[in-house]
Amino acid sequence: MKNFLGFVSFVLLAQGAGGILHEVTGGRFNLWTVVQRVGLLDGYEVYACVLLLVLGVAVGAASEAVGRRG
C-alpha cells in the first residue's frame, strides 16, 4: 500500500508541477500536463495545479504514515 500511495503522490506532484511550468512558460512545457487538456478547467488551470501539488504532498504524508504503521 505504501508503494502505491507513493506512486500516486509522485503522479500528483508531477502533474501539478508540470502544469504550473506550462502556465509560467507560456505553454512551452507540454510534457505531462493533463490539466491543460481538460476543457472543464479553462481559466482555472493554475488553481487546479496548486490543488494537485497540495494533494500530492498530502498523499505522500499518508503513505509515510501507512509505512510507519504497518
N, C-alpha and C. Protein backbone atom coordinates (compact mmCIF):
# COMPACT_ATOMS: atom_id res chain seq x y z
N MET A 1 0.82 -1.19 0.00
CA MET A 1 0.00 0.00 0.00
C MET A 1 0.87 1.27 0.00
N LYS A 2 1.99 1.20 0.72
CA LYS A 2 2.88 2.35 0.78
C LYS A 2 3.45 2.68 -0.60
N ASN A 3 3.81 1.64 -1.35
CA ASN A 3 4.35 1.87 -2.69
C ASN A 3 3.32 2.47 -3.62
N PHE A 4 2.07 2.00 -3.53
CA PHE A 4 1.01 2.54 -4.37
C PHE A 4 0.75 4.01 -4.04
N LEU A 5 0.66 4.33 -2.76
CA LEU A 5 0.43 5.72 -2.37
C LEU A 5 1.61 6.61 -2.74
N GLY A 6 2.80 6.08 -2.67
CA GLY A 6 3.98 6.83 -3.11
C GLY A 6 3.93 7.13 -4.59
N PHE A 7 3.48 6.16 -5.38
CA PHE A 7 3.34 6.36 -6.82
C PHE A 7 2.27 7.40 -7.13
N VAL A 8 1.14 7.31 -6.45
CA VAL A 8 0.06 8.29 -6.65
C VAL A 8 0.54 9.68 -6.26
N SER A 9 1.29 9.77 -5.18
CA SER A 9 1.84 11.05 -4.75
C SER A 9 2.78 11.63 -5.81
N PHE A 10 3.63 10.79 -6.37
CA PHE A 10 4.54 11.24 -7.42
C PHE A 10 3.78 11.75 -8.64
N VAL A 11 2.75 11.03 -9.06
CA VAL A 11 1.97 11.43 -10.23
C VAL A 11 1.28 12.77 -9.98
N LEU A 12 0.69 12.93 -8.80
CA LEU A 12 0.03 14.19 -8.48
C LEU A 12 1.02 15.35 -8.44
N LEU A 13 2.17 15.14 -7.83
CA LEU A 13 3.18 16.19 -7.77
C LEU A 13 3.72 16.52 -9.16
N ALA A 14 3.93 15.51 -10.00
CA ALA A 14 4.43 15.75 -11.35
C ALA A 14 3.41 16.51 -12.19
N GLN A 15 2.13 16.15 -12.06
CA GLN A 15 1.09 16.85 -12.80
C GLN A 15 0.96 18.30 -12.35
N GLY A 16 1.01 18.52 -11.05
CA GLY A 16 0.90 19.88 -10.54
C GLY A 16 2.08 20.75 -10.95
N ALA A 17 3.29 20.22 -10.79
CA ALA A 17 4.48 20.99 -11.16
C ALA A 17 4.55 21.21 -12.66
N GLY A 18 4.22 20.19 -13.44
CA GLY A 18 4.22 20.33 -14.89
C GLY A 18 3.19 21.33 -15.37
N GLY A 19 2.03 21.35 -14.74
CA GLY A 19 1.01 22.32 -15.12
C GLY A 19 1.39 23.74 -14.79
N ILE A 20 2.02 23.92 -13.64
CA ILE A 20 2.47 25.27 -13.28
C ILE A 20 3.59 25.72 -14.22
N LEU A 21 4.51 24.82 -14.54
CA LEU A 21 5.56 25.16 -15.51
C LEU A 21 4.96 25.50 -16.87
N HIS A 22 3.92 24.79 -17.25
CA HIS A 22 3.25 25.07 -18.52
C HIS A 22 2.67 26.48 -18.53
N GLU A 23 2.06 26.88 -17.43
CA GLU A 23 1.47 28.22 -17.34
C GLU A 23 2.54 29.30 -17.27
N VAL A 24 3.60 29.06 -16.52
CA VAL A 24 4.65 30.07 -16.34
C VAL A 24 5.43 30.29 -17.63
N THR A 25 5.69 29.23 -18.38
CA THR A 25 6.49 29.35 -19.60
C THR A 25 5.66 29.69 -20.82
N GLY A 26 4.38 29.90 -20.65
CA GLY A 26 3.53 30.26 -21.78
C GLY A 26 3.20 29.10 -22.70
N GLY A 27 3.18 27.91 -22.18
CA GLY A 27 2.81 26.74 -22.97
C GLY A 27 3.96 25.99 -23.58
N ARG A 28 5.18 26.34 -23.26
CA ARG A 28 6.34 25.66 -23.84
C ARG A 28 6.60 24.31 -23.19
N PHE A 29 6.14 24.11 -21.98
CA PHE A 29 6.36 22.86 -21.26
C PHE A 29 5.08 22.02 -21.36
N ASN A 30 5.04 21.13 -22.33
CA ASN A 30 3.85 20.33 -22.59
C ASN A 30 4.01 18.86 -22.26
N LEU A 31 5.02 18.49 -21.51
CA LEU A 31 5.35 17.09 -21.35
C LEU A 31 4.26 16.29 -20.64
N TRP A 32 3.91 16.65 -19.42
CA TRP A 32 2.96 15.84 -18.65
C TRP A 32 1.76 16.64 -18.20
N THR A 33 1.31 17.57 -18.96
CA THR A 33 0.25 18.45 -18.50
C THR A 33 -1.11 17.94 -18.93
N VAL A 34 -1.80 17.29 -18.03
CA VAL A 34 -3.14 16.78 -18.29
C VAL A 34 -4.18 17.86 -17.98
N VAL A 35 -3.90 18.71 -17.01
CA VAL A 35 -4.86 19.72 -16.58
C VAL A 35 -5.20 20.66 -17.73
N GLN A 36 -4.25 21.01 -18.55
CA GLN A 36 -4.49 21.93 -19.65
C GLN A 36 -5.34 21.30 -20.75
N ARG A 37 -5.44 19.99 -20.77
CA ARG A 37 -6.22 19.31 -21.80
C ARG A 37 -7.67 19.09 -21.39
N VAL A 38 -8.02 19.38 -20.15
CA VAL A 38 -9.39 19.22 -19.67
C VAL A 38 -10.11 20.54 -19.89
N GLY A 39 -11.09 20.54 -20.77
CA GLY A 39 -11.80 21.77 -21.12
C GLY A 39 -12.61 22.36 -19.97
N LEU A 40 -13.00 21.54 -19.03
CA LEU A 40 -13.78 22.00 -17.89
C LEU A 40 -13.00 22.99 -17.01
N LEU A 41 -11.69 22.90 -17.04
CA LEU A 41 -10.85 23.72 -16.16
C LEU A 41 -10.30 24.97 -16.84
N ASP A 42 -10.84 25.35 -17.99
CA ASP A 42 -10.35 26.54 -18.68
C ASP A 42 -10.45 27.78 -17.80
N GLY A 43 -9.32 28.44 -17.61
CA GLY A 43 -9.26 29.61 -16.76
C GLY A 43 -8.90 29.31 -15.31
N TYR A 44 -8.94 28.05 -14.94
CA TYR A 44 -8.63 27.65 -13.56
C TYR A 44 -7.46 26.68 -13.49
N GLU A 45 -6.62 26.68 -14.51
CA GLU A 45 -5.55 25.70 -14.57
C GLU A 45 -4.55 25.85 -13.42
N VAL A 46 -4.20 27.09 -13.09
CA VAL A 46 -3.21 27.31 -12.02
C VAL A 46 -3.76 26.82 -10.68
N TYR A 47 -5.03 27.11 -10.42
CA TYR A 47 -5.64 26.65 -9.17
C TYR A 47 -5.69 25.13 -9.11
N ALA A 48 -6.02 24.50 -10.22
CA ALA A 48 -6.07 23.05 -10.26
C ALA A 48 -4.68 22.45 -10.05
N CYS A 49 -3.66 23.07 -10.61
CA CYS A 49 -2.30 22.57 -10.45
C CYS A 49 -1.81 22.73 -9.01
N VAL A 50 -2.14 23.84 -8.39
CA VAL A 50 -1.78 24.02 -6.98
C VAL A 50 -2.51 22.99 -6.13
N LEU A 51 -3.77 22.72 -6.45
CA LEU A 51 -4.52 21.70 -5.73
C LEU A 51 -3.86 20.33 -5.91
N LEU A 52 -3.40 20.02 -7.10
CA LEU A 52 -2.70 18.75 -7.34
C LEU A 52 -1.42 18.66 -6.52
N LEU A 53 -0.69 19.76 -6.42
CA LEU A 53 0.52 19.77 -5.59
C LEU A 53 0.20 19.51 -4.13
N VAL A 54 -0.83 20.18 -3.63
CA VAL A 54 -1.23 20.00 -2.23
C VAL A 54 -1.69 18.57 -1.98
N LEU A 55 -2.49 18.03 -2.90
CA LEU A 55 -2.93 16.64 -2.76
C LEU A 55 -1.76 15.66 -2.83
N GLY A 56 -0.79 15.95 -3.67
CA GLY A 56 0.40 15.09 -3.76
C GLY A 56 1.18 15.07 -2.46
N VAL A 57 1.32 16.22 -1.84
CA VAL A 57 2.01 16.28 -0.54
C VAL A 57 1.21 15.53 0.52
N ALA A 58 -0.12 15.69 0.51
CA ALA A 58 -0.97 15.01 1.50
C ALA A 58 -0.93 13.49 1.31
N VAL A 59 -0.98 13.03 0.08
CA VAL A 59 -0.91 11.59 -0.17
C VAL A 59 0.47 11.05 0.19
N GLY A 60 1.51 11.83 -0.07
CA GLY A 60 2.85 11.43 0.33
C GLY A 60 2.99 11.30 1.84
N ALA A 61 2.38 12.23 2.57
CA ALA A 61 2.40 12.14 4.04
C ALA A 61 1.60 10.94 4.51
N ALA A 62 0.50 10.65 3.83
CA ALA A 62 -0.30 9.48 4.20
C ALA A 62 0.46 8.20 3.92
N SER A 63 1.23 8.16 2.84
CA SER A 63 2.00 6.95 2.55
C SER A 63 3.07 6.73 3.60
N GLU A 64 3.65 7.81 4.10
CA GLU A 64 4.64 7.68 5.17
C GLU A 64 3.98 7.19 6.45
N ALA A 65 2.77 7.66 6.73
CA ALA A 65 2.05 7.22 7.93
C ALA A 65 1.69 5.74 7.82
N VAL A 66 1.30 5.30 6.63
CA VAL A 66 0.98 3.88 6.42
C VAL A 66 2.24 3.05 6.58
N GLY A 67 3.36 3.57 6.11
CA GLY A 67 4.63 2.84 6.23
C GLY A 67 5.07 2.67 7.68
N ARG A 68 4.82 3.67 8.50
CA ARG A 68 5.20 3.58 9.92
C ARG A 68 4.27 2.65 10.69
N ARG A 69 3.01 2.63 10.28
CA ARG A 69 2.02 1.82 10.98
C ARG A 69 2.19 0.34 10.73
N GLY A 70 2.47 0.00 9.48
CA GLY A 70 2.48 -1.40 9.09
C GLY A 70 3.76 -2.03 9.18
